[in-house]
Amino acid sequence: SPVTELREGWQEFTLRQWVWVTTLSFAVINAAGA
């Protein structure tokens, strides 16, 4: 189901530390720049 696939995507996103760390870091950078 789409909900299950969305959950799988979140698991893939959080599985790789470099992915979520970079995303979190650039959320702050984007907010400061904007």
All heavy atoms as atom14 arrays in JSON, in Angstrom:
{
  "sequence": "SPVTELREGWQEFTLRQWVWVTTLSFAVINAAGA",
  "atom14_mask": [
    [1, 1, 1, 1, 1, 1, 0, 0, 0, 0, 0, 0, 0, 0],
    [1, 1, 1, 1, 1, 1, 1, 0, 0, 0, 0, 0, 0, 0],
    [1, 1, 1, 1, 1, 1, 1, 0, 0, 0, 0, 0, 0, 0],
    [1, 1, 1, 1, 1, 1, 1, 0, 0, 0, 0, 0, 0, 0],
    [1, 1, 1, 1, 1, 1, 1, 1, 1, 0, 0, 0, 0, 0],
    [1, 1, 1, 1, 1, 1, 1, 1, 0, 0, 0, 0, 0, 0],
    [1, 1, 1, 1, 1, 1, 1, 1, 1, 1, 1, 0, 0, 0],
    [1, 1, 1, 1, 1, 1, 1, 1, 1, 0, 0, 0, 0, 0],
    [1, 1, 1, 1, 0, 0, 0, 0, 0, 0, 0, 0, 0, 0],
    [1, 1, 1, 1, 1, 1, 1, 1, 1, 1, 1, 1, 1, 1],
    [1, 1, 1, 1, 1, 1, 1, 1, 1, 0, 0, 0, 0, 0],
    [1, 1, 1, 1, 1, 1, 1, 1, 1, 0, 0, 0, 0, 0],
    [1, 1, 1, 1, 1, 1, 1, 1, 1, 1, 1, 0, 0, 0],
    [1, 1, 1, 1, 1, 1, 1, 0, 0, 0, 0, 0, 0, 0],
    [1, 1, 1, 1, 1, 1, 1, 1, 0, 0, 0, 0, 0, 0],
    [1, 1, 1, 1, 1, 1, 1, 1, 1, 1, 1, 0, 0, 0],
    [1, 1, 1, 1, 1, 1, 1, 1, 1, 0, 0, 0, 0, 0],
    [1, 1, 1, 1, 1, 1, 1, 1, 1, 1, 1, 1, 1, 1],
    [1, 1, 1, 1, 1, 1, 1, 0, 0, 0, 0, 0, 0, 0],
    [1, 1, 1, 1, 1, 1, 1, 1, 1, 1, 1, 1, 1, 1],
    [1, 1, 1, 1, 1, 1, 1, 0, 0, 0, 0, 0, 0, 0],
    [1, 1, 1, 1, 1, 1, 1, 0, 0, 0, 0, 0, 0, 0],
    [1, 1, 1, 1, 1, 1, 1, 0, 0, 0, 0, 0, 0, 0],
    [1, 1, 1, 1, 1, 1, 1, 1, 0, 0, 0, 0, 0, 0],
    [1, 1, 1, 1, 1, 1, 0, 0, 0, 0, 0, 0, 0, 0],
    [1, 1, 1, 1, 1, 1, 1, 1, 1, 1, 1, 0, 0, 0],
    [1, 1, 1, 1, 1, 0, 0, 0, 0, 0, 0, 0, 0, 0],
    [1, 1, 1, 1, 1, 1, 1, 0, 0, 0, 0, 0, 0, 0],
    [1, 1, 1, 1, 1, 1, 1, 1, 0, 0, 0, 0, 0, 0],
    [1, 1, 1, 1, 1, 1, 1, 1, 0, 0, 0, 0, 0, 0],
    [1, 1, 1, 1, 1, 0, 0, 0, 0, 0, 0, 0, 0, 0],
    [1, 1, 1, 1, 1, 0, 0, 0, 0, 0, 0, 0, 0, 0],
    [1, 1, 1, 1, 0, 0, 0, 0, 0, 0, 0, 0, 0, 0],
    [1, 1, 1, 1, 1, 0, 0, 0, 0, 0, 0, 0, 0, 0]
  ],
  "atom14_positions": [
    [[0.83, -1.2, 0.0], [0.0, 0.0, 0.0], [0.87, 1.25, 0.0], [2.03, 1.22, 0.44], [-0.91, 0.0, 1.23], [-0.14, 0.23, 2.4], [0.0, 0.0, 0.0], [0.0, 0.0, 0.0], [0.0, 0.0, 0.0], [0.0, 0.0, 0.0], [0.0, 0.0, 0.0], [0.0, 0.0, 0.0], [0.0, 0.0, 0.0], [0.0, 0.0, 0.0]],
    [[0.32, 2.39, -0.46], [1.09, 3.64, -0.45], [1.57, 4.03, 0.94], [2.68, 4.54, 1.1], [0.09, 4.66, -1.0], [-0.82, 3.88, -1.87], [-0.96, 2.55, -1.18], [0.0, 0.0, 0.0], [0.0, 0.0, 0.0], [0.0, 0.0, 0.0], [0.0, 0.0, 0.0], [0.0, 0.0, 0.0], [0.0, 0.0, 0.0], [0.0, 0.0, 0.0]],
    [[0.74, 3.79, 1.97], [1.15, 4.14, 3.34], [2.36, 3.31, 3.75], [3.32, 3.8, 4.36], [-0.01, 3.93, 4.32], [0.45, 4.13, 5.76], [-1.16, 4.87, 3.99], [0.0, 0.0, 0.0], [0.0, 0.0, 0.0], [0.0, 0.0, 0.0], [0.0, 0.0, 0.0], [0.0, 0.0, 0.0], [0.0, 0.0, 0.0], [0.0, 0.0, 0.0]],
    [[2.34, 2.02, 3.41], [3.48, 1.15, 3.72], [4.72, 1.6, 2.99], [5.83, 1.61, 3.55], [3.15, -0.3, 3.36], [1.99, -0.73, 4.09], [4.31, -1.23, 3.68], [0.0, 0.0, 0.0], [0.0, 0.0, 0.0], [0.0, 0.0, 0.0], [0.0, 0.0, 0.0], [0.0, 0.0, 0.0], [0.0, 0.0, 0.0], [0.0, 0.0, 0.0]],
    [[4.57, 1.99, 1.72], [5.71, 2.44, 0.94], [6.25, 3.75, 1.49], [7.46, 3.99, 1.47], [5.33, 2.59, -0.52], [5.0, 1.25, -1.17], [4.87, 1.36, -2.68], [5.04, 2.47, -3.21], [4.62, 0.32, -3.31], [0.0, 0.0, 0.0], [0.0, 0.0, 0.0], [0.0, 0.0, 0.0], [0.0, 0.0, 0.0], [0.0, 0.0, 0.0]],
    [[5.36, 4.6, 1.99], [5.81, 5.84, 2.62], [6.61, 5.53, 3.88], [7.64, 6.17, 4.14], [4.59, 6.71, 2.95], [4.83, 8.21, 3.18], [5.46, 8.86, 1.97], [3.53, 8.89, 3.54], [0.0, 0.0, 0.0], [0.0, 0.0, 0.0], [0.0, 0.0, 0.0], [0.0, 0.0, 0.0], [0.0, 0.0, 0.0], [0.0, 0.0, 0.0]],
    [[6.16, 4.55, 4.63], [6.88, 4.15, 5.84], [8.24, 3.54, 5.46], [9.25, 3.8, 6.13], [6.06, 3.14, 6.64], [6.62, 2.84, 8.02], [5.81, 1.79, 8.76], [4.4, 2.15, 8.83], [3.42, 1.47, 8.29], [3.69, 0.36, 7.61], [2.17, 1.86, 8.4], [0.0, 0.0, 0.0], [0.0, 0.0, 0.0], [0.0, 0.0, 0.0]],
    [[8.27, 2.75, 4.4], [9.54, 2.19, 3.93], [10.51, 3.3, 3.51], [11.71, 3.22, 3.78], [9.29, 1.26, 2.74], [8.61, -0.05, 3.1], [8.27, -0.85, 1.87], [8.51, -0.35, 0.74], [7.78, -1.98, 2.01], [0.0, 0.0, 0.0], [0.0, 0.0, 0.0], [0.0, 0.0, 0.0], [0.0, 0.0, 0.0], [0.0, 0.0, 0.0]],
    [[9.97, 4.33, 2.88], [10.81, 5.45, 2.48], [11.41, 6.16, 3.68], [12.58, 6.55, 3.66], [0.0, 0.0, 0.0], [0.0, 0.0, 0.0], [0.0, 0.0, 0.0], [0.0, 0.0, 0.0], [0.0, 0.0, 0.0], [0.0, 0.0, 0.0], [0.0, 0.0, 0.0], [0.0, 0.0, 0.0], [0.0, 0.0, 0.0], [0.0, 0.0, 0.0]],
    [[10.61, 6.32, 4.75], [11.11, 6.94, 5.97], [12.21, 6.08, 6.61], [13.22, 6.6, 7.1], [9.97, 7.15, 6.95], [10.41, 7.71, 8.26], [10.45, 7.07, 9.46], [10.89, 9.04, 8.51], [10.93, 7.9, 10.44], [11.21, 9.12, 9.89], [11.09, 10.16, 7.7], [11.71, 10.28, 10.48], [11.58, 11.32, 8.3], [11.89, 11.37, 9.66]],
    [[12.02, 4.77, 6.58], [13.04, 3.88, 7.12], [14.33, 3.99, 6.31], [15.43, 4.0, 6.89], [12.52, 2.43, 7.11], [11.4, 2.18, 8.11], [10.76, 0.82, 7.95], [10.96, 0.13, 6.95], [9.97, 0.42, 8.94], [0.0, 0.0, 0.0], [0.0, 0.0, 0.0], [0.0, 0.0, 0.0], [0.0, 0.0, 0.0], [0.0, 0.0, 0.0]],
    [[14.21, 4.07, 4.99], [15.4, 4.24, 4.15], [16.07, 5.59, 4.45], [17.3, 5.7, 4.48], [15.02, 4.18, 2.67], [14.64, 2.81, 2.18], [15.84, 1.88, 2.12], [16.95, 2.36, 1.79], [15.68, 0.68, 2.41], [0.0, 0.0, 0.0], [0.0, 0.0, 0.0], [0.0, 0.0, 0.0], [0.0, 0.0, 0.0], [0.0, 0.0, 0.0]],
    [[15.27, 6.61, 4.66], [15.79, 7.95, 4.93], [16.56, 7.98, 6.25], [17.64, 8.57, 6.33], [14.61, 8.93, 4.97], [15.01, 10.36, 5.22], [15.48, 11.15, 4.18], [14.89, 10.91, 6.48], [15.85, 12.48, 4.41], [15.24, 12.22, 6.73], [15.72, 13.01, 5.69], [0.0, 0.0, 0.0], [0.0, 0.0, 0.0], [0.0, 0.0, 0.0]],
    [[16.02, 7.35, 7.28], [16.66, 7.39, 8.6], [17.77, 6.34, 8.74], [18.61, 6.46, 9.63], [15.63, 7.17, 9.71], [14.92, 5.93, 9.47], [14.62, 8.32, 9.74], [0.0, 0.0, 0.0], [0.0, 0.0, 0.0], [0.0, 0.0, 0.0], [0.0, 0.0, 0.0], [0.0, 0.0, 0.0], [0.0, 0.0, 0.0], [0.0, 0.0, 0.0]],
    [[17.77, 5.33, 7.87], [18.79, 4.28, 7.95], [20.19, 4.82, 7.69], [21.16, 4.42, 8.34], [18.46, 3.16, 6.94], [19.5, 2.04, 6.79], [19.59, 1.23, 8.09], [19.14, 1.15, 5.62], [0.0, 0.0, 0.0], [0.0, 0.0, 0.0], [0.0, 0.0, 0.0], [0.0, 0.0, 0.0], [0.0, 0.0, 0.0], [0.0, 0.0, 0.0]],
    [[20.29, 5.74, 6.74], [21.59, 6.3, 6.37], [21.82, 7.59, 7.15], [21.2, 8.61, 6.86], [21.64, 6.57, 4.87], [21.54, 5.3, 4.04], [21.19, 5.6, 2.6], [21.27, 4.42, 1.77], [20.32, 3.5, 1.68], [19.21, 3.65, 2.39], [20.47, 2.45, 0.92], [0.0, 0.0, 0.0], [0.0, 0.0, 0.0], [0.0, 0.0, 0.0]],
    [[22.76, 7.54, 8.07], [23.0, 8.69, 8.93], [23.37, 9.93, 8.13], [22.92, 11.03, 8.42], [24.11, 8.36, 9.94], [24.33, 9.47, 10.97], [25.57, 9.23, 11.79], [26.68, 9.28, 11.29], [25.39, 8.92, 13.07], [0.0, 0.0, 0.0], [0.0, 0.0, 0.0], [0.0, 0.0, 0.0], [0.0, 0.0, 0.0], [0.0, 0.0, 0.0]],
    [[24.18, 9.76, 7.1], [24.63, 10.92, 6.33], [23.47, 11.6, 5.61], [23.52, 12.81, 5.35], [25.71, 10.52, 5.33], [25.32, 9.5, 4.3], [25.42, 8.15, 4.42], [24.76, 9.75, 3.01], [24.96, 7.53, 3.28], [24.56, 8.49, 2.39], [24.43, 10.9, 2.31], [24.03, 8.36, 1.11], [23.9, 10.78, 1.03], [23.71, 9.53, 0.44]],
    [[22.39, 10.87, 5.33], [21.24, 11.46, 4.64], [20.47, 12.37, 5.59], [20.23, 13.55, 5.31], [20.32, 10.37, 4.07], [19.04, 10.99, 3.51], [21.04, 9.6, 2.96], [0.0, 0.0, 0.0], [0.0, 0.0, 0.0], [0.0, 0.0, 0.0], [0.0, 0.0, 0.0], [0.0, 0.0, 0.0], [0.0, 0.0, 0.0], [0.0, 0.0, 0.0]],
    [[20.07, 11.84, 6.75], [19.23, 12.65, 7.64], [20.03, 13.74, 8.34], [19.49, 14.83, 8.61], [18.45, 11.8, 8.62], [19.23, 11.01, 9.64], [19.56, 9.69, 9.58], [19.74, 11.49, 10.89], [20.26, 9.31, 10.7], [20.38, 10.39, 11.53], [19.71, 12.71, 11.55], [20.99, 10.49, 12.78], [20.32, 12.83, 12.79], [20.95, 11.74, 13.39]],
    [[21.3, 13.5, 8.6], [22.13, 14.54, 9.2], [22.29, 15.72, 8.24], [22.16, 16.88, 8.63], [23.51, 13.97, 9.6], [24.5, 15.1, 9.86], [23.38, 13.11, 10.85], [0.0, 0.0, 0.0], [0.0, 0.0, 0.0], [0.0, 0.0, 0.0], [0.0, 0.0, 0.0], [0.0, 0.0, 0.0], [0.0, 0.0, 0.0], [0.0, 0.0, 0.0]],
    [[22.54, 15.42, 6.99], [22.71, 16.48, 5.99], [21.4, 17.23, 5.79], [21.38, 18.47, 5.7], [23.2, 15.9, 4.65], [24.39, 15.16, 4.87], [23.47, 17.0, 3.65], [0.0, 0.0, 0.0], [0.0, 0.0, 0.0], [0.0, 0.0, 0.0], [0.0, 0.0, 0.0], [0.0, 0.0, 0.0], [0.0, 0.0, 0.0], [0.0, 0.0, 0.0]],
    [[20.28, 16.52, 5.71], [18.98, 17.16, 5.54], [18.67, 18.08, 6.72], [18.21, 19.22, 6.53], [17.88, 16.11, 5.4], [18.15, 15.29, 4.26], [16.52, 16.77, 5.22], [0.0, 0.0, 0.0], [0.0, 0.0, 0.0], [0.0, 0.0, 0.0], [0.0, 0.0, 0.0], [0.0, 0.0, 0.0], [0.0, 0.0, 0.0], [0.0, 0.0, 0.0]],
    [[18.91, 17.61, 7.93], [18.66, 18.43, 9.12], [19.54, 19.67, 9.12], [19.09, 20.78, 9.41], [18.9, 17.6, 10.37], [18.65, 18.29, 11.72], [17.2, 18.74, 11.83], [19.02, 17.36, 12.88], [0.0, 0.0, 0.0], [0.0, 0.0, 0.0], [0.0, 0.0, 0.0], [0.0, 0.0, 0.0], [0.0, 0.0, 0.0], [0.0, 0.0, 0.0]],
    [[20.81, 19.49, 8.78], [21.75, 20.62, 8.75], [21.3, 21.67, 7.74], [21.29, 22.87, 8.03], [23.15, 20.1, 8.4], [24.04, 21.18, 8.22], [0.0, 0.0, 0.0], [0.0, 0.0, 0.0], [0.0, 0.0, 0.0], [0.0, 0.0, 0.0], [0.0, 0.0, 0.0], [0.0, 0.0, 0.0], [0.0, 0.0, 0.0], [0.0, 0.0, 0.0]],
    [[20.88, 21.23, 6.57], [20.52, 22.19, 5.54], [19.12, 22.76, 5.72], [18.79, 23.79, 5.13], [20.71, 21.57, 4.14], [22.11, 21.7, 3.67], [23.07, 20.8, 4.07], [22.51, 22.77, 2.89], [24.39, 20.94, 3.69], [23.81, 22.92, 2.5], [24.77, 22.01, 2.89], [0.0, 0.0, 0.0], [0.0, 0.0, 0.0], [0.0, 0.0, 0.0]],
    [[18.31, 22.13, 6.54], [17.06, 22.78, 6.93], [17.36, 24.07, 7.69], [16.75, 25.12, 7.45], [16.22, 21.83, 7.77], [0.0, 0.0, 0.0], [0.0, 0.0, 0.0], [0.0, 0.0, 0.0], [0.0, 0.0, 0.0], [0.0, 0.0, 0.0], [0.0, 0.0, 0.0], [0.0, 0.0, 0.0], [0.0, 0.0, 0.0], [0.0, 0.0, 0.0]],
    [[18.34, 23.99, 8.59], [18.75, 25.19, 9.35], [19.41, 26.21, 8.43], [19.12, 27.42, 8.49], [19.71, 24.79, 10.49], [20.19, 26.04, 11.23], [19.03, 23.83, 11.45], [0.0, 0.0, 0.0], [0.0, 0.0, 0.0], [0.0, 0.0, 0.0], [0.0, 0.0, 0.0], [0.0, 0.0, 0.0], [0.0, 0.0, 0.0], [0.0, 0.0, 0.0]],
    [[20.3, 25.74, 7.54], [20.98, 26.65, 6.62], [19.97, 27.35, 5.7], [20.06, 28.56, 5.46], [22.03, 25.88, 5.79], [23.17, 25.42, 6.7], [22.58, 26.75, 4.65], [24.17, 24.51, 6.02], [0.0, 0.0, 0.0], [0.0, 0.0, 0.0], [0.0, 0.0, 0.0], [0.0, 0.0, 0.0], [0.0, 0.0, 0.0], [0.0, 0.0, 0.0]],
    [[19.01, 26.6, 5.19], [17.99, 27.19, 4.31], [17.14, 28.22, 5.04], [16.81, 29.27, 4.49], [17.09, 26.09, 3.74], [17.8, 25.23, 2.71], [18.83, 25.61, 2.18], [17.26, 24.05, 2.45], [0.0, 0.0, 0.0], [0.0, 0.0, 0.0], [0.0, 0.0, 0.0], [0.0, 0.0, 0.0], [0.0, 0.0, 0.0], [0.0, 0.0, 0.0]],
    [[16.79, 27.91, 6.29], [15.99, 28.85, 7.07], [16.76, 30.13, 7.33], [16.23, 31.24, 7.18], [15.57, 28.21, 8.4], [0.0, 0.0, 0.0], [0.0, 0.0, 0.0], [0.0, 0.0, 0.0], [0.0, 0.0, 0.0], [0.0, 0.0, 0.0], [0.0, 0.0, 0.0], [0.0, 0.0, 0.0], [0.0, 0.0, 0.0], [0.0, 0.0, 0.0]],
    [[18.03, 30.01, 7.7], [18.86, 31.19, 7.96], [19.06, 32.01, 6.7], [18.97, 33.24, 6.72], [20.21, 30.76, 8.55], [0.0, 0.0, 0.0], [0.0, 0.0, 0.0], [0.0, 0.0, 0.0], [0.0, 0.0, 0.0], [0.0, 0.0, 0.0], [0.0, 0.0, 0.0], [0.0, 0.0, 0.0], [0.0, 0.0, 0.0], [0.0, 0.0, 0.0]],
    [[19.31, 31.32, 5.58], [19.52, 32.04, 4.32], [18.26, 32.71, 3.81], [18.3, 33.86, 3.35], [0.0, 0.0, 0.0], [0.0, 0.0, 0.0], [0.0, 0.0, 0.0], [0.0, 0.0, 0.0], [0.0, 0.0, 0.0], [0.0, 0.0, 0.0], [0.0, 0.0, 0.0], [0.0, 0.0, 0.0], [0.0, 0.0, 0.0], [0.0, 0.0, 0.0]],
    [[17.13, 32.03, 3.91], [15.87, 32.6, 3.43], [15.48, 33.83, 4.25], [15.09, 34.87, 3.69], [14.76, 31.56, 3.49], [0.0, 0.0, 0.0], [0.0, 0.0, 0.0], [0.0, 0.0, 0.0], [0.0, 0.0, 0.0], [0.0, 0.0, 0.0], [0.0, 0.0, 0.0], [0.0, 0.0, 0.0], [0.0, 0.0, 0.0], [0.0, 0.0, 0.0]]
  ]
}
